[in-house]
């Protein structure tokens, strides 16, 4: 079987950061904070975070900070809850959460909660269960969950549960593996997994595995490496991961590697990118692949980073 070409993936991630004039870099300029989180977390999982300059990264992250307490996707852009979590996660990777004005950042996130318990992404008001997860994950890392109405937040997430056991982005919306991760992750962090029908959801999630071993996000869709994270992490959180064929999934992820230049794609022989490289490595981490550090399925950060946060006063 093909092996993980970890060194080539590390080189690919480091080179991607230097190609600021490339088409891919330009079109992703507005979400560079997310890209930094994907790349840096992948490096940490491969035990190569020391390959980048901590000071340079932290300094850039702080140029994206707004007086509102939120972070933007890049310098000069508007703040959004998506990029705020990525910024907090990056600072957590480098053990630099102490440079944050935690009160201000947590107030920004808490201020996006709506009367029904849902969360908006920013001042323009889009609502999505992704934002519920992001708010809960971010505030938990900052140890400020008491700033929101957790019961209302949980009740809103539960209202997005469907008859198939899955969750959608809003009440009545179609079940989707990405939204399921967000809802299950938020419920796990808040200690509310009893709201999940684990057998029913576990069945829906394990049905996402196709003949190639890869996982898709919903019925009748093609497999995609990124669902090695969204589906697998959810199965682990509800203790049903033994319902899929792990060996076939490992093979699918490894077959999506660019063995010459590094990086991982959505499917075999497609173009690689940072997003799928991170989620491929993260999937292998959940599958306990040799040489990849353990990742926390709820927080999407290395277990040692989460332990450091939880066990630090």
C-alpha atoms as a PDB file:
ATOM      1  CA  UNK A   1       0.000   0.000   0.000  1.00  0.00           C
ATOM      2  CA  UNK A   2       1.071   3.589  -0.656  1.00  0.00           C
ATOM      3  CA  UNK A   3       2.605   5.260   2.418  1.00  0.00           C
ATOM      4  CA  UNK A   4       2.127   8.793   3.729  1.00  0.00           C
ATOM      5  CA  UNK A   5       4.745  11.056   2.117  1.00  0.00           C
ATOM      6  CA  UNK A   6       4.796  13.372   5.139  1.00  0.00           C
ATOM      7  CA  UNK A   7       7.974  15.267   4.232  1.00  0.00           C
ATOM      8  CA  UNK A   8       6.571  16.181   0.821  1.00  0.00           C
ATOM      9  CA  UNK A   9       3.328  17.405   2.394  1.00  0.00           C
ATOM     10  CA  UNK A  10       5.317  19.585   4.784  1.00  0.00           C
ATOM     11  CA  UNK A  11       7.259  21.052   1.867  1.00  0.00           C
ATOM     12  CA  UNK A  12       4.029  21.614  -0.098  1.00  0.00           C
ATOM     13  CA  UNK A  13       2.444  23.512   2.820  1.00  0.00           C
ATOM     14  CA  UNK A  14       5.525  25.657   3.366  1.00  0.00           C
ATOM     15  CA  UNK A  15       5.830  26.438  -0.364  1.00  0.00           C
ATOM     16  CA  UNK A  16       2.116  27.309  -0.677  1.00  0.00           C
ATOM     17  CA  UNK A  17       2.577  30.135   1.811  1.00  0.00           C
ATOM     18  CA  UNK A  18       5.355  31.630  -0.310  1.00  0.00           C
ATOM     19  CA  UNK A  19       3.355  31.701  -3.558  1.00  0.00           C
ATOM     20  CA  UNK A  20       1.385  34.860  -2.760  1.00  0.00           C
ATOM     21  CA  UNK A  21       1.130  35.856  -6.434  1.00  0.00           C
ATOM     22  CA  UNK A  22      -0.363  32.552  -7.582  1.00  0.00           C
ATOM     23  CA  UNK A  23      -3.986  32.346  -8.766  1.00  0.00           C
ATOM     24  CA  UNK A  24      -4.921  30.076  -5.865  1.00  0.00           C
ATOM     25  CA  UNK A  25      -3.456  32.513  -3.352  1.00  0.00           C
ATOM     26  CA  UNK A  26      -5.174  35.552  -4.848  1.00  0.00           C
ATOM     27  CA  UNK A  27      -8.650  33.994  -4.937  1.00  0.00           C
ATOM     28  CA  UNK A  28      -8.246  32.810  -1.343  1.00  0.00           C
ATOM     29  CA  UNK A  29      -6.914  36.139  -0.075  1.00  0.00           C
ATOM     30  CA  UNK A  30     -10.083  36.888   1.901  1.00  0.00           C
ATOM     31  CA  UNK A  31      -9.898  33.636   3.881  1.00  0.00           C
ATOM     32  CA  UNK A  32      -6.175  33.425   4.467  1.00  0.00           C
ATOM     33  CA  UNK A  33      -6.793  32.982   8.206  1.00  0.00           C
ATOM     34  CA  UNK A  34      -8.604  29.703   7.519  1.00  0.00           C
ATOM     35  CA  UNK A  35      -5.816  28.603   5.174  1.00  0.00           C
ATOM     36  CA  UNK A  36      -3.235  29.392   7.836  1.00  0.00           C
ATOM     37  CA  UNK A  37      -5.149  27.287  10.362  1.00  0.00           C
ATOM     38  CA  UNK A  38      -5.382  24.358   7.922  1.00  0.00           C
ATOM     39  CA  UNK A  39      -1.714  24.478   6.994  1.00  0.00           C
ATOM     40  CA  UNK A  40      -0.332  25.100  10.476  1.00  0.00           C
ATOM     41  CA  UNK A  41      -2.470  22.425  12.124  1.00  0.00           C
ATOM     42  CA  UNK A  42      -1.400  19.920   9.457  1.00  0.00           C
ATOM     43  CA  UNK A  43       2.239  20.832  10.180  1.00  0.00           C
ATOM     44  CA  UNK A  44       1.671  20.315  13.906  1.00  0.00           C
ATOM     45  CA  UNK A  45       0.022  16.929  13.326  1.00  0.00           C
ATOM     46  CA  UNK A  46       3.109  15.971  11.299  1.00  0.00           C
ATOM     47  CA  UNK A  47       5.290  17.342  14.142  1.00  0.00           C
ATOM     48  CA  UNK A  48       6.780  20.080  11.929  1.00  0.00           C
ATOM     49  CA  UNK A  49       5.237  23.238  13.398  1.00  0.00           C
ATOM     50  CA  UNK A  50       8.760  24.389  14.222  1.00  0.00           C
ATOM     51  CA  UNK A  51       9.343  24.799  10.463  1.00  0.00           C
ATOM     52  CA  UNK A  52       7.588  28.180  10.560  1.00  0.00           C
ATOM     53  CA  UNK A  53       8.388  31.361  12.493  1.00  0.00           C
ATOM     54  CA  UNK A  54       6.054  31.598  15.470  1.00  0.00           C
ATOM     55  CA  UNK A  55       6.656  35.344  15.824  1.00  0.00           C
ATOM     56  CA  UNK A  56       5.904  36.035  12.165  1.00  0.00           C
ATOM     57  CA  UNK A  57       2.671  34.048  12.217  1.00  0.00           C
ATOM     58  CA  UNK A  58       1.423  35.527  15.498  1.00  0.00           C
ATOM     59  CA  UNK A  59       2.309  39.034  14.337  1.00  0.00           C
ATOM     60  CA  UNK A  60       0.323  38.559  11.114  1.00  0.00           C
ATOM     61  CA  UNK A  61      -2.663  37.081  12.988  1.00  0.00           C
ATOM     62  CA  UNK A  62      -2.815  40.166  15.191  1.00  0.00           C
ATOM     63  CA  UNK A  63      -2.861  42.475  12.127  1.00  0.00           C
ATOM     64  CA  UNK A  64      -6.244  40.891  11.368  1.00  0.00           C
ATOM     65  CA  UNK A  65      -7.675  41.828  14.782  1.00  0.00           C
ATOM     66  CA  UNK A  66     -10.453  44.411  14.928  1.00  0.00           C
ATOM     67  CA  UNK A  67     -11.407  46.752  17.748  1.00  0.00           C
ATOM     68  CA  UNK A  68     -14.760  44.935  17.858  1.00  0.00           C
ATOM     69  CA  UNK A  69     -12.925  41.917  19.266  1.00  0.00           C
ATOM     70  CA  UNK A  70     -13.263  39.837  16.092  1.00  0.00           C
ATOM     71  CA  UNK A  71     -10.700  38.733  13.530  1.00  0.00           C
ATOM     72  CA  UNK A  72     -10.789  39.092   9.756  1.00  0.00           C
ATOM     73  CA  UNK A  73      -9.746  36.552   7.148  1.00  0.00           C
ATOM     74  CA  UNK A  74      -6.789  38.755   6.229  1.00  0.00           C
ATOM     75  CA  UNK A  75      -5.345  42.176   6.929  1.00  0.00           C
ATOM     76  CA  UNK A  76      -7.748  44.912   5.828  1.00  0.00           C
ATOM     77  CA  UNK A  77     -10.854  42.713   5.703  1.00  0.00           C
ATOM     78  CA  UNK A  78     -13.953  42.680   7.915  1.00  0.00           C
ATOM     79  CA  UNK A  79     -14.237  40.521  11.045  1.00  0.00           C
ATOM     80  CA  UNK A  80     -16.289  37.315  11.017  1.00  0.00           C
ATOM     81  CA  UNK A  81     -16.851  34.520  13.527  1.00  0.00           C
ATOM     82  CA  UNK A  82     -15.272  32.009  11.087  1.00  0.00           C
ATOM     83  CA  UNK A  83     -11.924  33.768  11.063  1.00  0.00           C
ATOM     84  CA  UNK A  84     -12.113  34.562  14.763  1.00  0.00           C
ATOM     85  CA  UNK A  85     -12.117  30.856  15.626  1.00  0.00           C
ATOM     86  CA  UNK A  86      -9.258  30.157  13.199  1.00  0.00           C
ATOM     87  CA  UNK A  87      -7.227  32.977  14.767  1.00  0.00           C
ATOM     88  CA  UNK A  88      -7.866  31.624  18.269  1.00  0.00           C
ATOM     89  CA  UNK A  89      -6.941  28.102  17.129  1.00  0.00           C
ATOM     90  CA  UNK A  90      -3.693  29.328  15.550  1.00  0.00           C
ATOM     91  CA  UNK A  91      -2.744  31.185  18.738  1.00  0.00           C
ATOM     92  CA  UNK A  92      -3.604  28.041  20.716  1.00  0.00           C
ATOM     93  CA  UNK A  93      -1.246  25.995  18.513  1.00  0.00           C
ATOM     94  CA  UNK A  94       1.594  28.357  19.418  1.00  0.00           C
ATOM     95  CA  UNK A  95       0.555  28.648  23.090  1.00  0.00           C
ATOM     96  CA  UNK A  96       0.005  32.388  22.631  1.00  0.00           C
ATOM     97  CA  UNK A  97      -3.593  32.819  23.817  1.00  0.00           C
ATOM     98  CA  UNK A  98      -2.249  35.100  26.535  1.00  0.00           C
ATOM     99  CA  UNK A  99      -1.725  37.932  24.034  1.00  0.00           C
ATOM    100  CA  UNK A 100      -5.478  38.131  23.417  1.00  0.00           C
ATOM    101  CA  UNK A 101      -7.872  40.510  25.106  1.00  0.00           C
ATOM    102  CA  UNK A 102      -9.999  37.503  26.026  1.00  0.00           C
ATOM    103  CA  UNK A 103     -12.803  39.658  27.391  1.00  0.00           C
ATOM    104  CA  UNK A 104     -13.135  41.551  24.121  1.00  0.00           C
ATOM    105  CA  UNK A 105     -12.850  38.533  21.832  1.00  0.00           C
ATOM    106  CA  UNK A 106     -15.337  36.511  23.879  1.00  0.00           C
ATOM    107  CA  UNK A 107     -17.758  39.455  23.990  1.00  0.00           C
ATOM    108  CA  UNK A 108     -17.566  39.758  20.188  1.00  0.00           C
ATOM    109  CA  UNK A 109     -18.477  36.087  19.789  1.00  0.00           C
ATOM    110  CA  UNK A 110     -21.158  36.137  22.494  1.00  0.00           C
ATOM    111  CA  UNK A 111     -22.667  39.263  20.950  1.00  0.00           C
ATOM    112  CA  UNK A 112     -23.500  37.288  17.807  1.00  0.00           C
ATOM    113  CA  UNK A 113     -25.988  35.047  19.649  1.00  0.00           C
ATOM    114  CA  UNK A 114     -29.605  35.662  18.669  1.00  0.00           C
ATOM    115  CA  UNK A 115     -32.725  35.524  20.814  1.00  0.00           C
ATOM    116  CA  UNK A 116     -33.584  31.995  19.586  1.00  0.00           C
ATOM    117  CA  UNK A 117     -30.145  30.712  20.616  1.00  0.00           C
ATOM    118  CA  UNK A 118     -28.691  30.642  17.088  1.00  0.00           C
ATOM    119  CA  UNK A 119     -25.576  32.572  16.058  1.00  0.00           C
ATOM    120  CA  UNK A 120     -24.957  35.002  13.227  1.00  0.00           C
ATOM    121  CA  UNK A 121     -21.633  34.942  11.397  1.00  0.00           C
ATOM    122  CA  UNK A 122     -21.128  38.697  11.579  1.00  0.00           C
ATOM    123  CA  UNK A 123     -23.071  41.960  11.750  1.00  0.00           C
ATOM    124  CA  UNK A 124     -24.912  41.136   8.506  1.00  0.00           C
ATOM    125  CA  UNK A 125     -26.845  38.363  10.208  1.00  0.00           C
ATOM    126  CA  UNK A 126     -26.417  35.105   8.261  1.00  0.00           C
ATOM    127  CA  UNK A 127     -27.462  32.216  10.537  1.00  0.00           C
ATOM    128  CA  UNK A 128     -26.024  28.703  10.294  1.00  0.00           C
ATOM    129  CA  UNK A 129     -25.284  25.867  12.733  1.00  0.00           C
ATOM    130  CA  UNK A 130     -21.649  26.215  11.643  1.00  0.00           C
ATOM    131  CA  UNK A 131     -21.634  29.476  13.582  1.00  0.00           C
ATOM    132  CA  UNK A 132     -23.164  27.787  16.632  1.00  0.00           C
ATOM    133  CA  UNK A 133     -20.280  25.315  16.689  1.00  0.00           C
ATOM    134  CA  UNK A 134     -17.702  28.018  16.047  1.00  0.00           C
ATOM    135  CA  UNK A 135     -19.000  30.180  18.890  1.00  0.00           C
ATOM    136  CA  UNK A 136     -19.121  27.281  21.348  1.00  0.00           C
ATOM    137  CA  UNK A 137     -15.702  25.941  20.336  1.00  0.00           C
ATOM    138  CA  UNK A 138     -14.097  29.387  20.457  1.00  0.00           C
ATOM    139  CA  UNK A 139     -15.609  30.331  23.825  1.00  0.00           C
ATOM    140  CA  UNK A 140     -14.707  26.942  25.291  1.00  0.00           C
ATOM    141  CA  UNK A 141     -11.057  27.385  24.268  1.00  0.00           C
ATOM    142  CA  UNK A 142     -11.148  30.848  25.864  1.00  0.00           C
ATOM    143  CA  UNK A 143     -12.965  29.418  28.936  1.00  0.00           C
ATOM    144  CA  UNK A 144     -15.821  31.881  28.486  1.00  0.00           C
ATOM    145  CA  UNK A 145     -18.827  29.656  27.706  1.00  0.00           C
ATOM    146  CA  UNK A 146     -20.680  31.355  30.539  1.00  0.00           C
ATOM    147  CA  UNK A 147     -20.960  34.477  28.351  1.00  0.00           C
ATOM    148  CA  UNK A 148     -23.681  32.879  26.207  1.00  0.00           C
ATOM    149  CA  UNK A 149     -26.988  31.190  26.902  1.00  0.00           C
ATOM    150  CA  UNK A 150     -25.767  27.625  26.431  1.00  0.00           C
ATOM    151  CA  UNK A 151     -29.232  26.086  26.928  1.00  0.00           C
ATOM    152  CA  UNK A 152     -30.712  28.225  24.153  1.00  0.00           C
ATOM    153  CA  UNK A 153     -27.736  27.472  21.914  1.00  0.00           C
ATOM    154  CA  UNK A 154     -28.238  23.728  22.474  1.00  0.00           C
ATOM    155  CA  UNK A 155     -32.006  23.954  21.967  1.00  0.00           C
ATOM    156  CA  UNK A 156     -31.468  25.698  18.624  1.00  0.00           C
ATOM    157  CA  UNK A 157     -29.032  22.997  17.473  1.00  0.00           C
ATOM    158  CA  UNK A 158     -31.485  20.279  18.515  1.00  0.00           C
ATOM    159  CA  UNK A 159     -34.209  22.059  16.498  1.00  0.00           C
ATOM    160  CA  UNK A 160     -32.036  21.455  13.413  1.00  0.00           C
ATOM    161  CA  UNK A 161     -32.123  17.666  13.911  1.00  0.00           C
ATOM    162  CA  UNK A 162     -33.827  15.679  11.155  1.00  0.00           C
ATOM    163  CA  UNK A 163     -35.774  12.428  11.004  1.00  0.00           C
ATOM    164  CA  UNK A 164     -32.719  10.626   9.582  1.00  0.00           C
ATOM    165  CA  UNK A 165     -30.761  11.494  12.742  1.00  0.00           C
ATOM    166  CA  UNK A 166     -28.640  14.118  10.987  1.00  0.00           C
ATOM    167  CA  UNK A 167     -28.536  17.893  11.270  1.00  0.00           C
ATOM    168  CA  UNK A 168     -28.893  20.761   8.808  1.00  0.00           C
ATOM    169  CA  UNK A 169     -27.724  24.372   8.709  1.00  0.00           C
ATOM    170  CA  UNK A 170     -31.112  25.660   9.926  1.00  0.00           C
ATOM    171  CA  UNK A 171     -34.337  23.972  11.111  1.00  0.00           C
ATOM    172  CA  UNK A 172     -35.738  21.833   8.278  1.00  0.00           C
ATOM    173  CA  UNK A 173     -32.588  21.990   6.156  1.00  0.00           C
ATOM    174  CA  UNK A 174     -31.120  18.822   4.608  1.00  0.00           C
ATOM    175  CA  UNK A 175     -28.755  16.694   6.691  1.00  0.00           C
ATOM    176  CA  UNK A 176     -25.140  17.181   5.656  1.00  0.00           C
ATOM    177  CA  UNK A 177     -21.975  15.670   7.112  1.00  0.00           C
ATOM    178  CA  UNK A 178     -20.334  19.074   7.599  1.00  0.00           C
ATOM    179  CA  UNK A 179     -23.308  20.401   9.548  1.00  0.00           C
ATOM    180  CA  UNK A 180     -23.503  17.147  11.500  1.00  0.00           C
ATOM    181  CA  UNK A 181     -19.904  17.613  12.647  1.00  0.00           C
ATOM    182  CA  UNK A 182     -20.732  21.159  13.749  1.00  0.00           C
ATOM    183  CA  UNK A 183     -23.833  20.143  15.684  1.00  0.00           C
ATOM    184  CA  UNK A 184     -22.359  17.003  17.230  1.00  0.00           C
ATOM    185  CA  UNK A 185     -19.140  18.880  18.075  1.00  0.00           C
ATOM    186  CA  UNK A 186     -21.067  21.671  19.799  1.00  0.00           C
ATOM    187  CA  UNK A 187     -23.166  19.148  21.719  1.00  0.00           C
ATOM    188  CA  UNK A 188     -20.029  17.225  22.712  1.00  0.00           C
ATOM    189  CA  UNK A 189     -18.247  20.345  23.995  1.00  0.00           C
ATOM    190  CA  UNK A 190     -21.281  21.401  26.037  1.00  0.00           C
ATOM    191  CA  UNK A 191     -21.927  17.889  27.395  1.00  0.00           C
ATOM    192  CA  UNK A 192     -25.206  17.409  25.537  1.00  0.00           C
ATOM    193  CA  UNK A 193     -24.625  14.352  23.354  1.00  0.00           C
ATOM    194  CA  UNK A 194     -27.703  12.729  24.921  1.00  0.00           C
ATOM    195  CA  UNK A 195     -29.723  14.718  22.352  1.00  0.00           C
ATOM    196  CA  UNK A 196     -28.204  12.627  19.549  1.00  0.00           C
ATOM    197  CA  UNK A 197     -29.799   9.350  18.415  1.00  0.00           C
ATOM    198  CA  UNK A 198     -26.410   7.673  18.126  1.00  0.00           C
ATOM    199  CA  UNK A 199     -27.541   4.521  16.333  1.00  0.00           C
ATOM    200  CA  UNK A 200     -29.684   6.378  13.801  1.00  0.00           C
ATOM    201  CA  UNK A 201     -27.031   9.026  13.128  1.00  0.00           C
ATOM    202  CA  UNK A 202     -24.285   6.398  13.144  1.00  0.00           C
ATOM    203  CA  UNK A 203     -26.141   4.476  10.444  1.00  0.00           C
ATOM    204  CA  UNK A 204     -26.539   7.623   8.307  1.00  0.00           C
ATOM    205  CA  UNK A 205     -22.857   8.476   8.700  1.00  0.00           C
ATOM    206  CA  UNK A 206     -21.492   4.994   7.975  1.00  0.00           C
ATOM    207  CA  UNK A 207     -23.670   4.902   4.828  1.00  0.00           C
ATOM    208  CA  UNK A 208     -21.452   7.722   3.553  1.00  0.00           C
ATOM    209  CA  UNK A 209     -18.671   5.211   2.806  1.00  0.00           C
ATOM    210  CA  UNK A 210     -18.586   4.126  -0.822  1.00  0.00           C
ATOM    211  CA  UNK A 211     -16.928   1.272  -2.692  1.00  0.00           C
ATOM    212  CA  UNK A 212     -13.588   3.104  -2.937  1.00  0.00           C
ATOM    213  CA  UNK A 213     -13.462   3.448   0.858  1.00  0.00           C
ATOM    214  CA  UNK A 214     -13.891   7.225   0.694  1.00  0.00           C
ATOM    215  CA  UNK A 215     -16.687   9.108   2.430  1.00  0.00           C
ATOM    216  CA  UNK A 216     -19.185  11.543   0.947  1.00  0.00           C
ATOM    217  CA  UNK A 217     -21.161  14.347   2.589  1.00  0.00           C
ATOM    218  CA  UNK A 218     -24.681  13.228   1.719  1.00  0.00           C
ATOM    219  CA  UNK A 219     -26.441  10.536  -0.358  1.00  0.00           C
ATOM    220  CA  UNK A 220     -25.603  10.180  -4.052  1.00  0.00           C
ATOM    221  CA  UNK A 221     -22.513  12.413  -3.853  1.00  0.00           C
ATOM    222  CA  UNK A 222     -18.928  11.532  -4.788  1.00  0.00           C
ATOM    223  CA  UNK A 223     -16.440  10.675  -2.030  1.00  0.00           C
ATOM    224  CA  UNK A 224     -14.181  13.515  -0.892  1.00  0.00           C
ATOM    225  CA  UNK A 225     -11.137  13.445   1.394  1.00  0.00           C
ATOM    226  CA  UNK A 226     -12.481  16.286   3.535  1.00  0.00           C
ATOM    227  CA  UNK A 227     -15.288  14.028   4.767  1.00  0.00           C
ATOM    228  CA  UNK A 228     -12.594  11.819   6.257  1.00  0.00           C
ATOM    229  CA  UNK A 229     -12.766  14.544   8.898  1.00  0.00           C
ATOM    230  CA  UNK A 230     -16.425  15.615   9.022  1.00  0.00           C
ATOM    231  CA  UNK A 231     -17.857  12.069   9.059  1.00  0.00           C
ATOM    232  CA  UNK A 232     -15.099  10.323  10.997  1.00  0.00           C
ATOM    233  CA  UNK A 233     -14.908  12.859  13.821  1.00  0.00           C
ATOM    234  CA  UNK A 234     -18.689  12.657  14.262  1.00  0.00           C
ATOM    235  CA  UNK A 235     -18.588   8.843  14.352  1.00  0.00           C
ATOM    236  CA  UNK A 236     -15.860   8.991  16.998  1.00  0.00           C
ATOM    237  CA  UNK A 237     -17.789  11.473  19.144  1.00  0.00           C
ATOM    238  CA  UNK A 238     -20.867   9.203  19.134  1.00  0.00           C
ATOM    239  CA  UNK A 239     -18.765   6.027  19.516  1.00  0.00           C
ATOM    240  CA  UNK A 240     -19.773   4.413  16.203  1.00  0.00           C
ATOM    241  CA  UNK A 241     -16.500   4.608  14.262  1.00  0.00           C
ATOM    242  CA  UNK A 242     -16.232   0.797  14.246  1.00  0.00           C
ATOM    243  CA  UNK A 243     -19.162   0.773  11.797  1.00  0.00           C
ATOM    244  CA  UNK A 244     -16.959   1.778   8.833  1.00  0.00           C
ATOM    245  CA  UNK A 245     -14.041   0.053   7.123  1.00  0.00           C
ATOM    246  CA  UNK A 246     -11.078   2.037   8.444  1.00  0.00           C
ATOM    247  CA  UNK A 247      -8.466   0.279   6.296  1.00  0.00           C
ATOM    248  CA  UNK A 248     -10.308   1.145   3.074  1.00  0.00           C
ATOM    249  CA  UNK A 249     -10.611   4.778   4.182  1.00  0.00           C
ATOM    250  CA  UNK A 250      -6.872   4.954   4.936  1.00  0.00           C
ATOM    251  CA  UNK A 251      -6.152   3.618   1.449  1.00  0.00           C
ATOM    252  CA  UNK A 252      -8.510   6.176  -0.135  1.00  0.00           C
ATOM    253  CA  UNK A 253      -6.794   9.091   1.641  1.00  0.00           C
ATOM    254  CA  UNK A 254      -3.307   7.849   0.752  1.00  0.00           C
ATOM    255  CA  UNK A 255      -4.359   7.383  -2.889  1.00  0.00           C
ATOM    256  CA  UNK A 256      -5.288  11.101  -3.009  1.00  0.00           C
ATOM    257  CA  UNK A 257      -1.697  12.191  -2.356  1.00  0.00           C
ATOM    258  CA  UNK A 258       0.525  13.862  -4.936  1.00  0.00           C
ATOM    259  CA  UNK A 259       3.465  11.527  -4.413  1.00  0.00           C
ATOM    260  CA  UNK A 260       5.854  13.752  -6.367  1.00  0.00           C
ATOM    261  CA  UNK A 261       5.117  17.276  -5.141  1.00  0.00           C
ATOM    262  CA  UNK A 262       3.169  16.721  -1.936  1.00  0.00           C
ATOM    263  CA  UNK A 263      -0.333  17.759  -0.985  1.00  0.00           C
ATOM    264  CA  UNK A 264      -3.622  15.844  -0.890  1.00  0.00           C
ATOM    265  CA  UNK A 265      -6.601  16.253  -3.239  1.00  0.00           C
ATOM    266  CA  UNK A 266     -10.338  15.630  -2.873  1.00  0.00           C
ATOM    267  CA  UNK A 267     -10.154  12.466  -4.979  1.00  0.00           C
ATOM    268  CA  UNK A 268      -7.342  10.454  -6.604  1.00  0.00           C
ATOM    269  CA  UNK A 269      -5.569  12.265  -9.467  1.00  0.00           C
ATOM    270  CA  UNK A 270      -7.239  15.642  -8.835  1.00  0.00           C
ATOM    271  CA  UNK A 271      -5.344  18.862  -8.066  1.00  0.00           C
ATOM    272  CA  UNK A 272      -4.146  19.185  -4.470  1.00  0.00           C
ATOM    273  CA  UNK A 273      -4.881  22.097  -2.117  1.00  0.00           C
ATOM    274  CA  UNK A 274      -4.243  23.119   1.500  1.00  0.00           C
ATOM    275  CA  UNK A 275      -7.843  22.436   2.577  1.00  0.00           C
ATOM    276  CA  UNK A 276      -7.809  18.777   1.532  1.00  0.00           C
ATOM    277  CA  UNK A 277      -4.216  18.320   2.667  1.00  0.00           C
ATOM    278  CA  UNK A 278      -5.215  19.327   6.198  1.00  0.00           C
ATOM    279  CA  UNK A 279      -8.374  17.237   6.308  1.00  0.00           C
ATOM    280  CA  UNK A 280      -6.572  14.250   4.804  1.00  0.00           C
ATOM    281  CA  UNK A 281      -3.867  14.429   7.472  1.00  0.00           C
ATOM    282  CA  UNK A 282      -6.526  15.044  10.157  1.00  0.00           C
ATOM    283  CA  UNK A 283      -8.460  12.009   8.929  1.00  0.00           C
ATOM    284  CA  UNK A 284      -5.340   9.861   9.161  1.00  0.00           C
ATOM    285  CA  UNK A 285      -4.841  11.199  12.679  1.00  0.00           C
ATOM    286  CA  UNK A 286      -8.342  10.069  13.667  1.00  0.00           C
ATOM    287  CA  UNK A 287      -7.524   6.694  12.091  1.00  0.00           C
ATOM    288  CA  UNK A 288      -4.419   6.483  14.330  1.00  0.00           C
ATOM    289  CA  UNK A 289      -2.055   6.366  11.368  1.00  0.00           C
ATOM    290  CA  UNK A 290       1.575   5.897  12.389  1.00  0.00           C
ATOM    291  CA  UNK A 291       3.589   9.110  12.566  1.00  0.00           C
ATOM    292  CA  UNK A 292       0.612  11.465  12.813  1.00  0.00           C
ATOM    293  CA  UNK A 293      -0.187  13.117  16.158  1.00  0.00           C
ATOM    294  CA  UNK A 294      -3.598  12.605  17.758  1.00  0.00           C
ATOM    295  CA  UNK A 295      -6.246  15.255  17.034  1.00  0.00           C
ATOM    296  CA  UNK A 296      -9.267  16.073  19.184  1.00  0.00           C
ATOM    297  CA  UNK A 297     -12.459  15.244  17.213  1.00  0.00           C
ATOM    298  CA  UNK A 298     -14.505  18.057  18.774  1.00  0.00           C
ATOM    299  CA  UNK A 299     -12.014  20.937  18.851  1.00  0.00           C
ATOM    300  CA  UNK A 300     -10.114  20.098  15.625  1.00  0.00           C
ATOM    301  CA  UNK A 301      -6.793  20.789  17.333  1.00  0.00           C
ATOM    302  CA  UNK A 302      -4.025  18.387  18.389  1.00  0.00           C
ATOM    303  CA  UNK A 303      -4.879  16.583  21.631  1.00  0.00           C
ATOM    304  CA  UNK A 304      -1.747  17.906  23.353  1.00  0.00           C
ATOM    305  CA  UNK A 305      -2.828  21.485  22.575  1.00  0.00           C
ATOM    306  CA  UNK A 306      -6.315  20.915  24.005  1.00  0.00           C
ATOM    307  CA  UNK A 307      -4.875  19.221  27.097  1.00  0.00           C
ATOM    308  CA  UNK A 308      -2.571  22.181  27.644  1.00  0.00           C
ATOM    309  CA  UNK A 309      -5.557  24.552  27.507  1.00  0.00           C
ATOM    310  CA  UNK A 310      -7.866  22.469  29.670  1.00  0.00           C
ATOM    311  CA  UNK A 311      -5.301  21.755  32.363  1.00  0.00           C
ATOM    312  CA  UNK A 312      -4.024  25.340  32.533  1.00  0.00           C
ATOM    313  CA  UNK A 313      -5.817  27.620  34.963  1.00  0.00           C
END
